[in-house]
PDB file of N, CA and C in Angstrom:
ATOM      1  N   MET A   1     -26.030  47.106 -46.308  1.00  0.00           N
ATOM      2  CA  MET A   1     -26.482  48.416 -45.999  1.00  0.00           C
ATOM      3  C   MET A   1     -27.085  49.498 -45.536  1.00  0.00           C
ATOM      4  N   GLN A   2     -26.466  49.938 -45.138  1.00  0.00           N
ATOM      5  CA  GLN A   2     -27.193  50.606 -43.525  1.00  0.00           C
ATOM      6  C   GLN A   2     -28.348  51.184 -43.603  1.00  0.00           C
ATOM      7  N   VAL A   3     -28.949  51.050 -42.385  1.00  0.00           N
ATOM      8  CA  VAL A   3     -30.644  51.949 -43.210  1.00  0.00           C
ATOM      9  C   VAL A   3     -31.152  53.606 -43.232  1.00  0.00           C
ATOM     10  N   PRO A   4     -30.658  54.588 -44.427  1.00  0.00           N
ATOM     11  CA  PRO A   4     -30.304  55.632 -44.070  1.00  0.00           C
ATOM     12  C   PRO A   4     -31.694  55.734 -42.577  1.00  0.00           C
ATOM     13  N   GLN A   5     -30.568  57.289 -41.611  1.00  0.00           N
ATOM     14  CA  GLN A   5     -31.352  57.182 -40.869  1.00  0.00           C
ATOM     15  C   GLN A   5     -32.870  57.761 -40.332  1.00  0.00           C
ATOM     16  N   LYS A   6     -33.305  58.806 -41.468  1.00  0.00           N
ATOM     17  CA  LYS A   6     -34.225  59.181 -41.739  1.00  0.00           C
ATOM     18  C   LYS A   6     -35.454  58.169 -42.318  1.00  0.00           C
ATOM     19  N   LEU A   7     -35.495  57.364 -42.236  1.00  0.00           N
ATOM     20  CA  LEU A   7     -36.735  55.832 -42.820  1.00  0.00           C
ATOM     21  C   LEU A   7     -36.269  55.989 -41.749  1.00  0.00           C
ATOM     22  N   LEU A   8     -35.444  55.793 -40.766  1.00  0.00           N
ATOM     23  CA  LEU A   8     -35.041  54.663 -39.509  1.00  0.00           C
ATOM     24  C   LEU A   8     -36.453  55.349 -38.580  1.00  0.00           C
ATOM     25  N   HIS A   9     -35.567  56.857 -38.744  1.00  0.00           N
ATOM     26  CA  HIS A   9     -37.210  57.904 -38.098  1.00  0.00           C
ATOM     27  C   HIS A   9     -38.175  58.219 -37.994  1.00  0.00           C
ATOM     28  N   ARG A  10     -38.829  57.434 -38.969  1.00  0.00           N
ATOM     29  CA  ARG A  10     -39.865  57.813 -39.779  1.00  0.00           C
ATOM     30  C   ARG A  10     -41.168  55.713 -39.777  1.00  0.00           C
ATOM     31  N   VAL A  11     -39.538  54.926 -39.228  1.00  0.00           N
ATOM     32  CA  VAL A  11     -40.735  54.248 -39.024  1.00  0.00           C
ATOM     33  C   VAL A  11     -40.610  53.702 -37.761  1.00  0.00           C
ATOM     34  N   THR A  12     -39.825  54.767 -36.905  1.00  0.00           N
ATOM     35  CA  THR A  12     -40.143  54.403 -35.496  1.00  0.00           C
ATOM     36  C   THR A  12     -40.697  55.343 -35.230  1.00  0.00           C
ATOM     37  N   ALA A  13     -41.591  56.656 -35.409  1.00  0.00           N
ATOM     38  CA  ALA A  13     -43.096  56.946 -35.409  1.00  0.00           C
ATOM     39  C   ALA A  13     -43.556  56.260 -35.270  1.00  0.00           C
ATOM     40  N   TYR A  14     -43.478  55.115 -36.758  1.00  0.00           N
ATOM     41  CA  TYR A  14     -45.566  54.745 -36.360  1.00  0.00           C
ATOM     42  C   TYR A  14     -44.667  53.547 -36.076  1.00  0.00           C
ATOM     43  N   PHE A  15     -44.343  53.044 -35.098  1.00  0.00           N
ATOM     44  CA  PHE A  15     -44.211  52.469 -33.929  1.00  0.00           C
ATOM     45  C   PHE A  15     -43.998  53.495 -33.155  1.00  0.00           C
ATOM     46  N   GLU A  16     -45.131  54.428 -33.134  1.00  0.00           N
ATOM     47  CA  GLU A  16     -45.056  55.661 -31.493  1.00  0.00           C
ATOM     48  C   GLU A  16     -43.267  55.702 -31.059  1.00  0.00           C
ATOM     49  N   GLY A  17     -42.380  55.415 -31.278  1.00  0.00           N
ATOM     50  CA  GLY A  17     -41.276  54.993 -30.313  1.00  0.00           C
ATOM     51  C   GLY A  17     -40.638  54.225 -29.936  1.00  0.00           C
ATOM     52  N   ASN A  18     -41.139  53.160 -30.386  1.00  0.00           N
ATOM     53  CA  ASN A  18     -40.161  51.552 -30.096  1.00  0.00           C
ATOM     54  C   ASN A  18     -39.321  51.272 -31.511  1.00  0.00           C
ATOM     55  N   VAL A  19     -37.839  51.896 -31.094  1.00  0.00           N
ATOM     56  CA  VAL A  19     -37.243  52.160 -31.762  1.00  0.00           C
ATOM     57  C   VAL A  19     -36.707  50.394 -32.848  1.00  0.00           C
ATOM     58  N   THR A  20     -36.503  49.524 -31.216  1.00  0.00           N
ATOM     59  CA  THR A  20     -37.452  48.220 -31.287  1.00  0.00           C
ATOM     60  C   THR A  20     -37.418  47.426 -32.022  1.00  0.00           C
ATOM     61  N   LYS A  21     -39.505  47.689 -32.220  1.00  0.00           N
ATOM     62  CA  LYS A  21     -39.600  47.524 -33.562  1.00  0.00           C
ATOM     63  C   LYS A  21     -39.046  47.610 -34.592  1.00  0.00           C
ATOM     64  N   ALA A  22     -39.037  49.549 -34.754  1.00  0.00           N
ATOM     65  CA  ALA A  22     -37.962  49.704 -35.924  1.00  0.00           C
ATOM     66  C   ALA A  22     -37.044  48.891 -36.422  1.00  0.00           C
ATOM     67  N   LYS A  23     -36.800  49.182 -36.031  1.00  0.00           N
ATOM     68  CA  LYS A  23     -35.386  47.820 -36.420  1.00  0.00           C
ATOM     69  C   LYS A  23     -35.381  46.700 -37.057  1.00  0.00           C
ATOM     70  N   LEU A  24     -36.191  46.399 -36.355  1.00  0.00           N
ATOM     71  CA  LEU A  24     -37.096  44.575 -36.307  1.00  0.00           C
ATOM     72  C   LEU A  24     -37.850  44.478 -37.922  1.00  0.00           C
ATOM     73  N   TRP A  25     -38.536  45.325 -38.312  1.00  0.00           N
ATOM     74  CA  TRP A  25     -39.857  46.200 -39.502  1.00  0.00           C
ATOM     75  C   TRP A  25     -38.451  45.832 -40.366  1.00  0.00           C
ATOM     76  N   PHE A  26     -36.964  46.935 -40.402  1.00  0.00           N
ATOM     77  CA  PHE A  26     -36.431  46.475 -41.888  1.00  0.00           C
ATOM     78  C   PHE A  26     -36.004  44.692 -41.478  1.00  0.00           C
ATOM     79  N   GLU A  27     -35.613  44.643 -40.955  1.00  0.00           N
ATOM     80  CA  GLU A  27     -35.713  42.304 -41.243  1.00  0.00           C
ATOM     81  C   GLU A  27     -35.738  41.977 -40.992  1.00  0.00           C
ATOM     82  N   ILE A  28     -37.153  42.054 -41.399  1.00  0.00           N
ATOM     83  CA  ILE A  28     -37.983  40.927 -41.646  1.00  0.00           C
ATOM     84  C   ILE A  28     -39.129  41.131 -43.424  1.00  0.00           C
ATOM     85  N   ASP A  29     -39.309  39.426 -44.031  1.00  0.00           N
ATOM     86  CA  ASP A  29     -39.352  39.401 -45.010  1.00  0.00           C
ATOM     87  C   ASP A  29     -41.081  40.451 -45.400  1.00  0.00           C
ATOM     88  N   ASN A  30     -41.236  41.081 -46.507  1.00  0.00           N
ATOM     89  CA  ASN A  30     -42.272  42.093 -46.252  1.00  0.00           C
ATOM     90  C   ASN A  30     -43.222  41.981 -47.874  1.00  0.00           C
ATOM     91  N   PRO A  31     -44.333  41.046 -47.483  1.00  0.00           N
ATOM     92  CA  PRO A  31     -45.355  40.460 -48.583  1.00  0.00           C
ATOM     93  C   PRO A  31     -45.571  41.893 -49.447  1.00  0.00           C
ATOM     94  N   ILE A  32     -45.610  43.126 -49.384  1.00  0.00           N
ATOM     95  CA  ILE A  32     -45.683  44.472 -50.414  1.00  0.00           C
ATOM     96  C   ILE A  32     -43.950  44.335 -50.924  1.00  0.00           C
ATOM     97  N   LEU A  33     -43.306  44.163 -50.544  1.00  0.00           N
ATOM     98  CA  LEU A  33     -41.959  44.453 -51.216  1.00  0.00           C
ATOM     99  C   LEU A  33     -41.748  42.848 -52.141  1.00  0.00           C
ATOM    100  N   ASN A  34     -43.099  42.043 -52.442  1.00  0.00           N
ATOM    101  CA  ASN A  34     -42.264  40.952 -52.823  1.00  0.00           C
ATOM    102  C   ASN A  34     -41.651  39.711 -51.844  1.00  0.00           C
ATOM    103  N   GLY A  35     -42.181  39.680 -50.213  1.00  0.00           N
ATOM    104  CA  GLY A  35     -40.604  39.218 -49.516  1.00  0.00           C
ATOM    105  C   GLY A  35     -39.715  39.402 -50.131  1.00  0.00           C
ATOM    106  N   MET A  36     -39.131  40.475 -50.120  1.00  0.00           N
ATOM    107  CA  MET A  36     -37.691  40.960 -49.356  1.00  0.00           C
ATOM    108  C   MET A  36     -37.841  41.693 -48.702  1.00  0.00           C
ATOM    109  N   LYS A  37     -36.439  41.794 -47.333  1.00  0.00           N
ATOM    110  CA  LYS A  37     -36.045  42.388 -46.126  1.00  0.00           C
ATOM    111  C   LYS A  37     -36.246  44.153 -46.284  1.00  0.00           C
ATOM    112  N   PRO A  38     -36.836  44.929 -46.225  1.00  0.00           N
ATOM    113  CA  PRO A  38     -36.461  46.194 -46.830  1.00  0.00           C
ATOM    114  C   PRO A  38     -35.232  47.025 -46.560  1.00  0.00           C
ATOM    115  N   LYS A  39     -34.903  45.870 -44.858  1.00  0.00           N
ATOM    116  CA  LYS A  39     -33.144  46.887 -45.045  1.00  0.00           C
ATOM    117  C   LYS A  39     -32.501  46.364 -47.258  1.00  0.00           C
ATOM    118  N   HIS A  40     -33.488  45.154 -47.366  1.00  0.00           N
ATOM    119  CA  HIS A  40     -32.194  44.652 -48.525  1.00  0.00           C
ATOM    120  C   HIS A  40     -33.139  45.092 -50.377  1.00  0.00           C
ATOM    121  N   TYR A  41     -34.361  45.780 -50.263  1.00  0.00           N
ATOM    122  CA  TYR A  41     -34.987  46.692 -50.811  1.00  0.00           C
ATOM    123  C   TYR A  41     -34.175  47.926 -52.148  1.00  0.00           C
ATOM    124  N   HIS A  42     -33.061  48.379 -51.154  1.00  0.00           N
ATOM    125  CA  HIS A  42     -32.079  49.612 -52.205  1.00  0.00           C
ATOM    126  C   HIS A  42     -32.054  47.967 -53.561  1.00  0.00           C
ATOM    127  N   GLN A  43     -31.507  46.571 -53.307  1.00  0.00           N
ATOM    128  CA  GLN A  43     -31.076  46.592 -54.165  1.00  0.00           C
ATOM    129  C   GLN A  43     -31.797  45.931 -56.234  1.00  0.00           C
ATOM    130  N   SER A  44     -32.971  45.808 -55.455  1.00  0.00           N
ATOM    131  CA  SER A  44     -33.753  45.970 -56.864  1.00  0.00           C
ATOM    132  C   SER A  44     -34.891  47.905 -57.299  1.00  0.00           C
ATOM    133  N   GLY A  45     -34.323  48.056 -56.125  1.00  0.00           N
ATOM    134  CA  GLY A  45     -35.245  49.123 -56.072  1.00  0.00           C
ATOM    135  C   GLY A  45     -34.637  50.883 -56.142  1.00  0.00           C
ATOM    136  N   SER A  46     -34.946  51.035 -54.356  1.00  0.00           N
ATOM    137  CA  SER A  46     -34.151  52.476 -53.804  1.00  0.00           C
ATOM    138  C   SER A  46     -34.359  52.854 -52.247  1.00  0.00           C
ATOM    139  N   TRP A  47     -34.184  53.062 -52.597  1.00  0.00           N
ATOM    140  CA  TRP A  47     -33.947  53.700 -50.606  1.00  0.00           C
ATOM    141  C   TRP A  47     -35.158  55.317 -51.157  1.00  0.00           C
ATOM    142  N   LYS A  48     -35.659  56.118 -52.792  1.00  0.00           N
ATOM    143  CA  LYS A  48     -36.799  56.423 -52.669  1.00  0.00           C
ATOM    144  C   LYS A  48     -37.621  55.681 -52.143  1.00  0.00           C
ATOM    145  N   ARG A  49     -37.613  55.447 -53.491  1.00  0.00           N
ATOM    146  CA  ARG A  49     -39.054  54.216 -53.090  1.00  0.00           C
ATOM    147  C   ARG A  49     -39.747  53.681 -51.962  1.00  0.00           C
ATOM    148  N   LEU A  50     -38.610  53.204 -51.426  1.00  0.00           N
ATOM    149  CA  LEU A  50     -39.806  52.284 -50.305  1.00  0.00           C
ATOM    150  C   LEU A  50     -39.818  53.889 -49.228  1.00  0.00           C
ATOM    151  N   GLU A  51     -38.874  55.061 -48.888  1.00  0.00           N
ATOM    152  CA  GLU A  51     -39.494  55.783 -48.565  1.00  0.00           C
ATOM    153  C   GLU A  51     -40.517  56.749 -48.791  1.00  0.00           C
ATOM    154  N   LYS A  52     -40.771  56.456 -50.136  1.00  0.00           N
ATOM    155  CA  LYS A  52     -42.014  56.889 -49.872  1.00  0.00           C
ATOM    156  C   LYS A  52     -43.512  55.866 -49.737  1.00  0.00           C
ATOM    157  N   MET A  53     -43.012  54.720 -49.692  1.00  0.00           N
ATOM    158  CA  MET A  53     -43.955  53.865 -49.335  1.00  0.00           C
ATOM    159  C   MET A  53     -44.096  54.036 -47.947  1.00  0.00           C
ATOM    160  N   ILE A  54     -43.622  54.440 -47.520  1.00  0.00           N
ATOM    161  CA  ILE A  54     -42.921  54.082 -45.829  1.00  0.00           C
ATOM    162  C   ILE A  54     -43.959  55.373 -45.048  1.00  0.00           C
ATOM    163  N   ASP A  55     -43.787  56.738 -45.974  1.00  0.00           N
ATOM    164  CA  ASP A  55     -44.511  57.920 -46.011  1.00  0.00           C
ATOM    165  C   ASP A  55     -46.175  57.676 -46.231  1.00  0.00           C
ATOM    166  N   ASP A  56     -45.934  56.948 -47.842  1.00  0.00           N
ATOM    167  CA  ASP A  56     -47.730  57.089 -47.614  1.00  0.00           C
ATOM    168  C   ASP A  56     -48.672  55.293 -46.419  1.00  0.00           C
ATOM    169  N   ALA A  57     -47.685  55.271 -45.901  1.00  0.00           N
ATOM    170  CA  ALA A  57     -48.388  53.749 -45.213  1.00  0.00           C
ATOM    171  C   ALA A  57     -48.894  54.948 -43.622  1.00  0.00           C
ATOM    172  N   LEU A  58     -47.799  55.852 -43.721  1.00  0.00           N
ATOM    173  CA  LEU A  58     -48.057  56.657 -42.152  1.00  0.00           C
ATOM    174  C   LEU A  58     -49.072  58.008 -42.303  1.00  0.00           C
ATOM    175  N   GLN A  59     -49.141  57.957 -43.449  1.00  0.00           N
ATOM    176  CA  GLN A  59     -50.187  59.494 -43.981  1.00  0.00           C
ATOM    177  C   GLN A  59     -51.398  58.309 -43.863  1.00  0.00           C
ATOM    178  N   GLU A  60     -51.557  56.750 -44.781  1.00  0.00           N
ATOM    179  CA  GLU A  60     -52.390  56.560 -44.512  1.00  0.00           C
ATOM    180  C   GLU A  60     -52.997  56.144 -43.016  1.00  0.00           C
ATOM    181  N   SER A  61     -52.393  55.930 -41.918  1.00  0.00           N
ATOM    182  CA  SER A  61     -52.338  55.610 -40.473  1.00  0.00           C
ATOM    183  C   SER A  61     -52.564  56.272 -39.955  1.00  0.00           C
ATOM    184  N   ASN A  62     -51.861  57.924 -40.589  1.00  0.00           N
ATOM    185  CA  ASN A  62     -53.043  59.221 -39.092  1.00  0.00           C
ATOM    186  C   ASN A  62     -54.195  59.396 -39.968  1.00  0.00           C
ATOM    187  N   HIS A  63     -54.592  59.206 -41.528  1.00  0.00           N
ATOM    188  CA  HIS A  63     -56.234  59.639 -41.249  1.00  0.00           C
ATOM    189  C   HIS A  63     -57.113  58.100 -41.243  1.00  0.00           C
ATOM    190  N   GLU A  64     -56.630  57.024 -40.211  1.00  0.00           N
ATOM    191  CA  GLU A  64     -56.894  55.812 -39.864  1.00  0.00           C
ATOM    192  C   GLU A  64     -57.267  56.265 -38.337  1.00  0.00           C
ATOM    193  N   GLN A  65     -57.335  57.498 -38.259  1.00  0.00           N
ATOM    194  CA  GLN A  65     -57.405  57.440 -36.227  1.00  0.00           C
ATOM    195  C   GLN A  65     -58.054  58.326 -36.131  1.00  0.00           C
ATOM    196  N   PRO A  66     -59.331  57.952 -35.381  1.00  0.00           N
ATOM    197  CA  PRO A  66     -60.521  57.826 -34.068  1.00  0.00           C
ATOM    198  C   PRO A  66     -60.524  59.832 -34.031  1.00  0.00           C
ATOM    199  N   SER A  67     -61.711  60.694 -34.065  1.00  0.00           N
ATOM    200  CA  SER A  67     -61.369  61.383 -34.019  1.00  0.00           C
ATOM    201  C   SER A  67     -61.989  61.650 -31.933  1.00  0.00           C
ATOM    202  N   THR A  68     -60.422  62.202 -32.263  1.00  0.00           N
ATOM    203  CA  THR A  68     -60.956  62.492 -30.072  1.00  0.00           C
ATOM    204  C   THR A  68     -61.584  63.881 -29.239  1.00  0.00           C
ATOM    205  N   SER A  69     -62.229  65.127 -30.429  1.00  0.00           N
ATOM    206  CA  SER A  69     -62.568  65.529 -29.454  1.00  0.00           C
ATOM    207  C   SER A  69     -64.059  65.346 -29.691  1.00  0.00           C
ATOM    208  N   SER A  70     -64.500  65.964 -29.038  1.00  0.00           N
ATOM    209  CA  SER A  70     -65.832  65.711 -27.250  1.00  0.00           C
ATOM    210  C   SER A  70     -66.774  66.217 -28.288  1.00  0.00           C
ATOM    211  N   THR A  71     -68.281  66.579 -28.454  1.00  0.00           N
ATOM    212  CA  THR A  71     -69.268  66.408 -28.760  1.00  0.00           C
ATOM    213  C   THR A  71     -70.410  66.956 -27.866  1.00  0.00           C
TER     214      THR A  71
END
């Protein structure tokens, strides 16, 4: 099954626009998914659950960005 475009776009955003890294992320076993490849995760769960995991990771990474405001 093909990865939904909206998920590919979100992961690409995480990798700062690098589509190659984003596609590779879907192909590599992920310990957070019990060693499953994200592209196969739908077989045991759903794309919605994977989408939530991706959104949570993006939100967490945005909160970890250092502030660039000058003092």
